[in-house]
PDB file of N, CA and C in Angstrom:
ATOM      1  N   MET A   1       0.928  -1.268   0.205  1.00  0.00           N
ATOM      2  CA  MET A   1      -0.274  -0.147  -0.094  1.00  0.00           C
ATOM      3  C   MET A   1       1.296   0.952   0.037  1.00  0.00           C
ATOM      4  N   ALA A   2       0.596   2.528  -0.514  1.00  0.00           N
ATOM      5  CA  ALA A   2       1.023   3.320  -0.761  1.00  0.00           C
ATOM      6  C   ALA A   2       0.473   4.797   0.089  1.00  0.00           C
ATOM      7  N   TYR A   3       1.382   4.976   0.606  1.00  0.00           N
ATOM      8  CA  TYR A   3       0.608   6.799   0.213  1.00  0.00           C
ATOM      9  C   TYR A   3       1.583   8.176  -0.434  1.00  0.00           C
ATOM     10  N   ARG A   4      -0.241   9.021  -0.379  1.00  0.00           N
ATOM     11  CA  ARG A   4       0.875  10.453  -1.517  1.00  0.00           C
ATOM     12  C   ARG A   4       0.598  11.149   0.019  1.00  0.00           C
ATOM     13  N   VAL A   5       1.694  12.326   0.302  1.00  0.00           N
ATOM     14  CA  VAL A   5       1.511  13.151   1.165  1.00  0.00           C
ATOM     15  C   VAL A   5       1.171  14.324   0.153  1.00  0.00           C
ATOM     16  N   GLN A   6      -0.119  15.135   0.806  1.00  0.00           N
ATOM     17  CA  GLN A   6      -0.963  16.365  -0.144  1.00  0.00           C
ATOM     18  C   GLN A   6      -0.393  17.607   0.496  1.00  0.00           C
ATOM     19  N   GLN A   7       0.709  18.718   0.031  1.00  0.00           N
ATOM     20  CA  GLN A   7       1.317  19.570   0.055  1.00  0.00           C
ATOM     21  C   GLN A   7       0.092  20.462   0.552  1.00  0.00           C
ATOM     22  N   ILE A   8       0.985  21.410   1.576  1.00  0.00           N
ATOM     23  CA  ILE A   8       0.072  22.277   1.971  1.00  0.00           C
ATOM     24  C   ILE A   8       0.512  23.367   2.438  1.00  0.00           C
ATOM     25  N   ARG A   9      -0.547  24.940   0.958  1.00  0.00           N
ATOM     26  CA  ARG A   9      -0.233  25.874   1.310  1.00  0.00           C
ATOM     27  C   ARG A   9      -0.101  26.575   2.192  1.00  0.00           C
ATOM     28  N   ASP A  10       1.222  27.543   2.446  1.00  0.00           N
ATOM     29  CA  ASP A  10       1.025  28.480   3.280  1.00  0.00           C
ATOM     30  C   ASP A  10       0.607  29.375   3.420  1.00  0.00           C
ATOM     31  N   ASP A  11      -0.558  30.018   2.580  1.00  0.00           N
ATOM     32  CA  ASP A  11      -1.404  31.420   2.387  1.00  0.00           C
ATOM     33  C   ASP A  11      -2.684  30.633   3.292  1.00  0.00           C
ATOM     34  N   TYR A  12      -2.817  29.649   3.919  1.00  0.00           N
ATOM     35  CA  TYR A  12      -3.505  28.918   4.543  1.00  0.00           C
ATOM     36  C   TYR A  12      -3.927  28.910   5.270  1.00  0.00           C
ATOM     37  N   ALA A  13      -2.557  29.384   6.306  1.00  0.00           N
ATOM     38  CA  ALA A  13      -2.164  28.946   7.902  1.00  0.00           C
ATOM     39  C   ALA A  13      -2.897  29.221   8.844  1.00  0.00           C
ATOM     40  N   PRO A  14      -2.532  29.159  10.058  1.00  0.00           N
ATOM     41  CA  PRO A  14      -3.882  29.435  10.316  1.00  0.00           C
ATOM     42  C   PRO A  14      -3.613  30.755  11.581  1.00  0.00           C
ATOM     43  N   ARG A  15      -4.886  30.678  12.345  1.00  0.00           N
ATOM     44  CA  ARG A  15      -5.088  32.856  11.658  1.00  0.00           C
ATOM     45  C   ARG A  15      -5.908  33.253  13.203  1.00  0.00           C
ATOM     46  N   LYS A  16      -5.187  34.342  14.127  1.00  0.00           N
ATOM     47  CA  LYS A  16      -5.925  34.940  15.517  1.00  0.00           C
ATOM     48  C   LYS A  16      -6.272  35.054  14.923  1.00  0.00           C
ATOM     49  N   GLY A  17      -7.579  34.488  16.346  1.00  0.00           N
ATOM     50  CA  GLY A  17      -9.046  34.494  16.608  1.00  0.00           C
ATOM     51  C   GLY A  17      -9.503  33.536  15.955  1.00  0.00           C
ATOM     52  N   LEU A  18      -9.261  33.187  14.822  1.00  0.00           N
ATOM     53  CA  LEU A  18     -10.468  31.510  14.020  1.00  0.00           C
ATOM     54  C   LEU A  18     -10.129  31.004  14.312  1.00  0.00           C
ATOM     55  N   GLU A  19     -10.491  29.747  14.070  1.00  0.00           N
ATOM     56  CA  GLU A  19     -10.754  28.366  14.216  1.00  0.00           C
ATOM     57  C   GLU A  19     -10.350  28.435  12.479  1.00  0.00           C
ATOM     58  N   GLY A  20      -9.663  26.584  12.592  1.00  0.00           N
ATOM     59  CA  GLY A  20      -9.108  26.162  11.352  1.00  0.00           C
ATOM     60  C   GLY A  20      -7.506  26.543  10.969  1.00  0.00           C
ATOM     61  N   PRO A  21      -7.411  26.390   9.713  1.00  0.00           N
ATOM     62  CA  PRO A  21      -7.582  26.522   8.664  1.00  0.00           C
ATOM     63  C   PRO A  21      -9.072  25.440   8.001  1.00  0.00           C
ATOM     64  N   PHE A  22     -10.265  24.959   7.755  1.00  0.00           N
ATOM     65  CA  PHE A  22     -10.944  23.734   7.219  1.00  0.00           C
ATOM     66  C   PHE A  22     -11.081  23.347   5.371  1.00  0.00           C
ATOM     67  N   ARG A  23     -10.287  22.291   5.094  1.00  0.00           N
ATOM     68  CA  ARG A  23      -9.978  22.657   3.991  1.00  0.00           C
ATOM     69  C   ARG A  23     -11.105  21.665   3.425  1.00  0.00           C
ATOM     70  N   TYR A  24     -12.205  21.518   2.457  1.00  0.00           N
ATOM     71  CA  TYR A  24     -12.791  20.898   1.556  1.00  0.00           C
ATOM     72  C   TYR A  24     -12.331  19.607   0.542  1.00  0.00           C
ATOM     73  N   PRO A  25     -13.019  18.663   0.133  1.00  0.00           N
ATOM     74  CA  PRO A  25     -12.975  18.508  -0.776  1.00  0.00           C
ATOM     75  C   PRO A  25     -12.932  18.976  -2.560  1.00  0.00           C
ATOM     76  N   ASN A  26     -13.629  20.297  -2.518  1.00  0.00           N
ATOM     77  CA  ASN A  26     -13.044  20.629  -3.607  1.00  0.00           C
ATOM     78  C   ASN A  26     -11.916  21.579  -3.621  1.00  0.00           C
ATOM     79  N   GLY A  27     -11.447  21.788  -2.581  1.00  0.00           N
ATOM     80  CA  GLY A  27     -10.683  23.192  -3.065  1.00  0.00           C
ATOM     81  C   GLY A  27     -10.339  23.780  -2.035  1.00  0.00           C
ATOM     82  N   ARG A  28     -11.313  24.198  -1.519  1.00  0.00           N
ATOM     83  CA  ARG A  28     -12.247  25.835  -0.358  1.00  0.00           C
ATOM     84  C   ARG A  28     -11.661  25.566   0.941  1.00  0.00           C
ATOM     85  N   VAL A  29     -11.237  26.652   1.282  1.00  0.00           N
ATOM     86  CA  VAL A  29     -10.510  26.220   2.813  1.00  0.00           C
ATOM     87  C   VAL A  29     -11.121  27.220   3.581  1.00  0.00           C
ATOM     88  N   VAL A  30     -11.823  27.687   4.503  1.00  0.00           N
ATOM     89  CA  VAL A  30     -12.276  28.003   5.824  1.00  0.00           C
ATOM     90  C   VAL A  30     -12.207  28.060   7.008  1.00  0.00           C
ATOM     91  N   TYR A  31     -12.568  29.643   7.536  1.00  0.00           N
ATOM     92  CA  TYR A  31     -12.346  29.476   8.945  1.00  0.00           C
ATOM     93  C   TYR A  31     -13.412  29.562   9.893  1.00  0.00           C
ATOM     94  N   TYR A  32     -13.438  29.186  10.760  1.00  0.00           N
ATOM     95  CA  TYR A  32     -14.933  29.559  12.128  1.00  0.00           C
ATOM     96  C   TYR A  32     -14.399  30.507  12.723  1.00  0.00           C
ATOM     97  N   ASP A  33     -14.914  31.570  13.116  1.00  0.00           N
ATOM     98  CA  ASP A  33     -15.809  32.942  13.657  1.00  0.00           C
ATOM     99  C   ASP A  33     -16.110  32.341  15.030  1.00  0.00           C
ATOM    100  N   ALA A  34     -15.948  32.319  16.309  1.00  0.00           N
ATOM    101  CA  ALA A  34     -16.180  31.220  17.223  1.00  0.00           C
ATOM    102  C   ALA A  34     -17.701  33.026  18.035  1.00  0.00           C
ATOM    103  N   LYS A  35     -17.008  34.469  17.475  1.00  0.00           N
ATOM    104  CA  LYS A  35     -17.599  35.214  18.314  1.00  0.00           C
ATOM    105  C   LYS A  35     -18.370  35.656  17.050  1.00  0.00           C
ATOM    106  N   ALA A  36     -18.999  35.921  15.137  1.00  0.00           N
ATOM    107  CA  ALA A  36     -19.323  35.354  14.428  1.00  0.00           C
ATOM    108  C   ALA A  36     -20.254  34.449  14.896  1.00  0.00           C
ATOM    109  N   GLY A  37     -20.128  33.232  15.186  1.00  0.00           N
ATOM    110  CA  GLY A  37     -20.204  32.368  15.398  1.00  0.00           C
ATOM    111  C   GLY A  37     -21.019  31.506  14.237  1.00  0.00           C
ATOM    112  N   GLN A  38     -20.515  32.243  12.854  1.00  0.00           N
ATOM    113  CA  GLN A  38     -20.138  31.855  11.391  1.00  0.00           C
ATOM    114  C   GLN A  38     -19.311  30.986  10.722  1.00  0.00           C
ATOM    115  N   TYR A  39     -18.845  30.290   9.931  1.00  0.00           N
ATOM    116  CA  TYR A  39     -17.104  29.852   8.681  1.00  0.00           C
ATOM    117  C   TYR A  39     -17.024  31.404   7.781  1.00  0.00           C
ATOM    118  N   TRP A  40     -16.021  31.464   7.962  1.00  0.00           N
ATOM    119  CA  TRP A  40     -15.369  32.990   6.942  1.00  0.00           C
ATOM    120  C   TRP A  40     -14.895  32.170   5.680  1.00  0.00           C
ATOM    121  N   ASP A  41     -14.686  32.496   4.651  1.00  0.00           N
ATOM    122  CA  ASP A  41     -13.628  32.394   3.346  1.00  0.00           C
ATOM    123  C   ASP A  41     -12.588  33.671   3.118  1.00  0.00           C
ATOM    124  N   PRO A  42     -11.749  33.328   3.432  1.00  0.00           N
ATOM    125  CA  PRO A  42     -10.701  34.208   3.513  1.00  0.00           C
ATOM    126  C   PRO A  42     -10.174  34.323   1.366  1.00  0.00           C
ATOM    127  N   LYS A  43     -11.257  33.935   1.776  1.00  0.00           N
ATOM    128  CA  LYS A  43     -10.335  34.353  -0.681  1.00  0.00           C
ATOM    129  C   LYS A  43     -11.373  35.167  -1.606  1.00  0.00           C
ATOM    130  N   THR A  44     -12.957  35.215  -0.776  1.00  0.00           N
ATOM    131  CA  THR A  44     -14.146  36.383  -0.648  1.00  0.00           C
ATOM    132  C   THR A  44     -14.185  37.639   0.334  1.00  0.00           C
ATOM    133  N   ASP A  45     -13.160  37.150   1.418  1.00  0.00           N
ATOM    134  CA  ASP A  45     -14.032  37.688   2.755  1.00  0.00           C
ATOM    135  C   ASP A  45     -15.218  38.438   2.708  1.00  0.00           C
ATOM    136  N   PHE A  46     -16.398  36.675   3.232  1.00  0.00           N
ATOM    137  CA  PHE A  46     -17.342  36.996   3.142  1.00  0.00           C
ATOM    138  C   PHE A  46     -17.612  35.556   4.180  1.00  0.00           C
ATOM    139  N   TYR A  47     -18.468  35.775   4.859  1.00  0.00           N
ATOM    140  CA  TYR A  47     -19.125  34.509   5.680  1.00  0.00           C
ATOM    141  C   TYR A  47     -19.595  33.563   4.888  1.00  0.00           C
ATOM    142  N   LEU A  48     -19.743  32.713   5.363  1.00  0.00           N
ATOM    143  CA  LEU A  48     -21.176  31.435   4.541  1.00  0.00           C
ATOM    144  C   LEU A  48     -22.107  31.275   5.230  1.00  0.00           C
ATOM    145  N   ASP A  49     -23.164  31.501   4.103  1.00  0.00           N
ATOM    146  CA  ASP A  49     -24.657  31.368   5.185  1.00  0.00           C
ATOM    147  C   ASP A  49     -25.137  29.507   4.875  1.00  0.00           C
ATOM    148  N   GLN A  50     -25.922  29.332   5.331  1.00  0.00           N
ATOM    149  CA  GLN A  50     -26.109  28.349   5.474  1.00  0.00           C
ATOM    150  C   GLN A  50     -26.398  27.042   4.740  1.00  0.00           C
ATOM    151  N   ASP A  51     -26.155  27.217   3.531  1.00  0.00           N
ATOM    152  CA  ASP A  51     -26.761  26.808   2.563  1.00  0.00           C
ATOM    153  C   ASP A  51     -25.449  26.090   2.065  1.00  0.00           C
ATOM    154  N   GLU A  52     -24.957  27.478   1.908  1.00  0.00           N
ATOM    155  CA  GLU A  52     -23.470  27.674   1.059  1.00  0.00           C
ATOM    156  C   GLU A  52     -22.680  26.266   2.361  1.00  0.00           C
ATOM    157  N   LEU A  53     -22.470  26.536   3.479  1.00  0.00           N
ATOM    158  CA  LEU A  53     -22.656  25.458   4.242  1.00  0.00           C
ATOM    159  C   LEU A  53     -22.631  23.828   4.624  1.00  0.00           C
ATOM    160  N   LEU A  54     -24.375  23.455   3.861  1.00  0.00           N
ATOM    161  CA  LEU A  54     -24.279  22.703   4.031  1.00  0.00           C
ATOM    162  C   LEU A  54     -24.032  21.932   2.879  1.00  0.00           C
ATOM    163  N   LEU A  55     -23.886  22.645   1.598  1.00  0.00           N
ATOM    164  CA  LEU A  55     -23.169  21.562   0.236  1.00  0.00           C
ATOM    165  C   LEU A  55     -22.034  21.866   0.817  1.00  0.00           C
ATOM    166  N   LEU A  56     -20.950  22.091   1.500  1.00  0.00           N
ATOM    167  CA  LEU A  56     -19.292  21.609   1.442  1.00  0.00           C
ATOM    168  C   LEU A  56     -19.474  20.691   2.179  1.00  0.00           C
ATOM    169  N   ASN A  57     -20.776  20.363   3.959  1.00  0.00           N
ATOM    170  CA  ASN A  57     -20.739  19.796   4.225  1.00  0.00           C
ATOM    171  C   ASN A  57     -20.990  18.056   3.476  1.00  0.00           C
ATOM    172  N   GLY A  58     -22.002  18.362   2.660  1.00  0.00           N
ATOM    173  CA  GLY A  58     -21.852  17.557   1.773  1.00  0.00           C
ATOM    174  C   GLY A  58     -20.741  17.101   0.703  1.00  0.00           C
ATOM    175  N   LEU A  59     -20.154  17.592   0.302  1.00  0.00           N
ATOM    176  CA  LEU A  59     -18.965  16.901  -0.489  1.00  0.00           C
ATOM    177  C   LEU A  59     -17.865  15.589   0.629  1.00  0.00           C
ATOM    178  N   ILE A  60     -18.224  16.299   1.882  1.00  0.00           N
ATOM    179  CA  ILE A  60     -17.538  15.857   2.710  1.00  0.00           C
ATOM    180  C   ILE A  60     -18.466  13.773   2.919  1.00  0.00           C
ATOM    181  N   PHE A  61     -19.167  14.080   2.674  1.00  0.00           N
ATOM    182  CA  PHE A  61     -20.160  13.370   2.956  1.00  0.00           C
ATOM    183  C   PHE A  61     -20.212  11.859   1.767  1.00  0.00           C
ATOM    184  N   GLU A  62     -19.795  12.730   0.235  1.00  0.00           N
ATOM    185  CA  GLU A  62     -19.759  11.806  -0.876  1.00  0.00           C
ATOM    186  C   GLU A  62     -18.510  11.867  -0.874  1.00  0.00           C
ATOM    187  N   ALA A  63     -17.443  12.388  -0.613  1.00  0.00           N
ATOM    188  CA  ALA A  63     -16.406  11.534   0.073  1.00  0.00           C
ATOM    189  C   ALA A  63     -15.873  10.328  -0.077  1.00  0.00           C
ATOM    190  N   LEU A  64     -16.491  10.678   1.030  1.00  0.00           N
ATOM    191  CA  LEU A  64     -16.257   9.390   2.108  1.00  0.00           C
ATOM    192  C   LEU A  64     -16.746   8.468   1.657  1.00  0.00           C
ATOM    193  N   THR A  65     -17.974   8.598   0.933  1.00  0.00           N
ATOM    194  CA  THR A  65     -18.856   7.342   0.992  1.00  0.00           C
ATOM    195  C   THR A  65     -18.191   6.530  -1.095  1.00  0.00           C
ATOM    196  N   ASN A  66     -17.268   7.832  -1.277  1.00  0.00           N
ATOM    197  CA  ASN A  66     -17.501   6.787  -3.122  1.00  0.00           C
ATOM    198  C   ASN A  66     -15.786   6.250  -2.184  1.00  0.00           C
ATOM    199  N   ARG A  67     -15.434   5.766  -1.206  1.00  0.00           N
ATOM    200  CA  ARG A  67     -14.278   5.538  -1.506  1.00  0.00           C
ATOM    201  C   ARG A  67     -14.702   3.680  -1.107  1.00  0.00           C
TER     202      ARG A  67
END
């Protein structure tokens, strides 16, 4: 069995005051802002709405079930 190590980009390092980074199968990276109670996308500088978050979580379940 072989393993492949994925390189993690440095521009998505931990940030003060935020939890994460959380990486999704589609390549999107978000952080959790505990004060706001929302997930924040550093690429767009916007918080994710509930529908976007559900879509991203669905990608995780899809990736896990297709293995």
